Amino acid sequence: MTSDVTIVDRSECYCVIGAGPAGLLAARSLKHAAIPYEQFDKNDDVGGIWDINDDWSPMFETAHFISSKTVSNLPGFDMP
C-alpha cells in the first residue's frame, strides 16, 4: 500500500499562530533574528481584532486608539 502523504521535516522551524498584534510582533522578532518560522491565521488578512473587515471584529469605523503613538507602535512601523 502506498501513501500520498508527504512528510516535511520542520523540526528546525517555529510556528506562529495568529496574525494579530502579538503574532505579527512574534513573527517580526523571529525574522529579525533569522529564525525560520511559519505563520498561520484563521482569517484571510492580518490584524486580529483590529481587522475591521472581519465580521467578528469588535472594531467600528469611528474607533480611536487612545494610547501614546510613541510607545504603542512597532519598531519600523511608526504610527502616523
Protein backbone atom coordinates (compact mmCIF):
# COMPACT_ATOMS: atom_id res chain seq x y z
CA MET A 1 0.00 0.00 0.00
CA THR A 2 1.39 3.42 -0.94
CA SER A 3 0.67 6.72 0.72
CA ASP A 4 0.19 10.13 -0.92
CA VAL A 5 1.24 11.89 2.28
CA THR A 6 4.40 13.95 2.03
CA ILE A 7 6.32 14.30 5.28
CA VAL A 8 8.22 17.55 5.68
CA ASP A 9 10.74 17.93 8.48
CA ARG A 10 10.00 21.22 10.23
CA SER A 11 11.80 20.42 13.46
CA GLU A 12 14.00 23.49 13.00
CA CYS A 13 11.06 25.80 12.30
CA TYR A 14 8.84 27.65 14.76
CA CYS A 15 5.11 28.13 14.35
CA VAL A 16 3.39 31.45 14.98
CA ILE A 17 -0.35 31.03 15.39
CA GLY A 18 -2.30 34.19 14.71
CA ALA A 19 -1.64 37.37 12.76
CA GLY A 20 -2.98 39.84 15.26
CA PRO A 21 -0.73 42.35 17.04
CA ALA A 22 1.06 39.72 19.17
CA GLY A 23 1.51 37.26 16.28
CA LEU A 24 2.87 39.96 14.00
CA LEU A 25 5.35 41.08 16.65
CA ALA A 26 6.45 37.47 17.25
CA ALA A 27 6.94 36.93 13.50
CA ARG A 28 8.90 40.18 13.17
CA SER A 29 11.17 39.19 16.05
CA LEU A 30 11.83 35.74 14.59
CA LYS A 31 12.52 37.20 11.16
CA HIS A 32 14.87 39.82 12.61
CA ALA A 33 16.78 37.04 14.43
CA ALA A 34 16.91 34.93 11.22
CA ILE A 35 14.97 32.14 12.93
CA PRO A 36 12.84 30.11 10.50
CA TYR A 37 9.10 30.20 11.16
CA GLU A 38 5.73 29.70 9.57
CA GLN A 39 2.72 31.80 10.49
CA PHE A 40 -0.91 30.80 10.36
CA ASP A 41 -4.15 32.66 10.96
CA LYS A 42 -7.76 31.63 10.52
CA ASN A 43 -8.53 34.81 8.58
CA ASP A 44 -7.55 35.97 5.11
CA ASP A 45 -5.89 39.16 6.36
CA VAL A 46 -3.73 40.29 9.26
CA GLY A 47 -4.75 42.43 12.21
CA GLY A 48 -6.68 40.12 14.52
CA ILE A 49 -9.34 42.06 16.40
CA TRP A 50 -8.12 45.24 14.67
CA ASP A 51 -9.21 43.92 11.26
CA ILE A 52 -12.41 45.91 10.87
CA ASN A 53 -13.40 43.95 7.75
CA ASP A 54 -13.88 40.72 9.72
CA ASP A 55 -17.44 40.03 10.84
CA TRP A 56 -16.35 39.02 14.36
CA SER A 57 -14.16 42.10 14.93
CA PRO A 58 -15.33 44.36 17.76
CA MET A 59 -13.87 47.39 15.93
CA PHE A 60 -16.03 50.07 14.40
CA GLU A 61 -15.36 52.88 11.92
CA THR A 62 -15.20 55.68 14.49
CA ALA A 63 -12.93 53.85 16.96
CA HIS A 64 -9.89 55.80 18.15
CA PHE A 65 -6.65 54.45 19.58
CA ILE A 66 -6.15 56.24 22.89
CA SER A 67 -2.54 55.47 23.68
CA SER A 68 0.75 57.22 23.05
CA LYS A 69 1.84 56.53 19.50
CA THR A 70 5.49 56.69 20.56
CA VAL A 71 5.15 53.71 22.92
CA SER A 72 2.40 51.78 21.12
CA ASN A 73 4.00 51.41 17.68
CA LEU A 74 6.09 48.50 16.44
CA PRO A 75 9.74 49.22 15.64
CA GLY A 76 9.94 50.13 11.96
CA PHE A 77 6.17 50.62 11.74
CA ASP A 78 5.59 54.02 13.27
CA MET A 79 2.01 55.18 13.75
CA PRO A 80 1.04 58.26 11.78
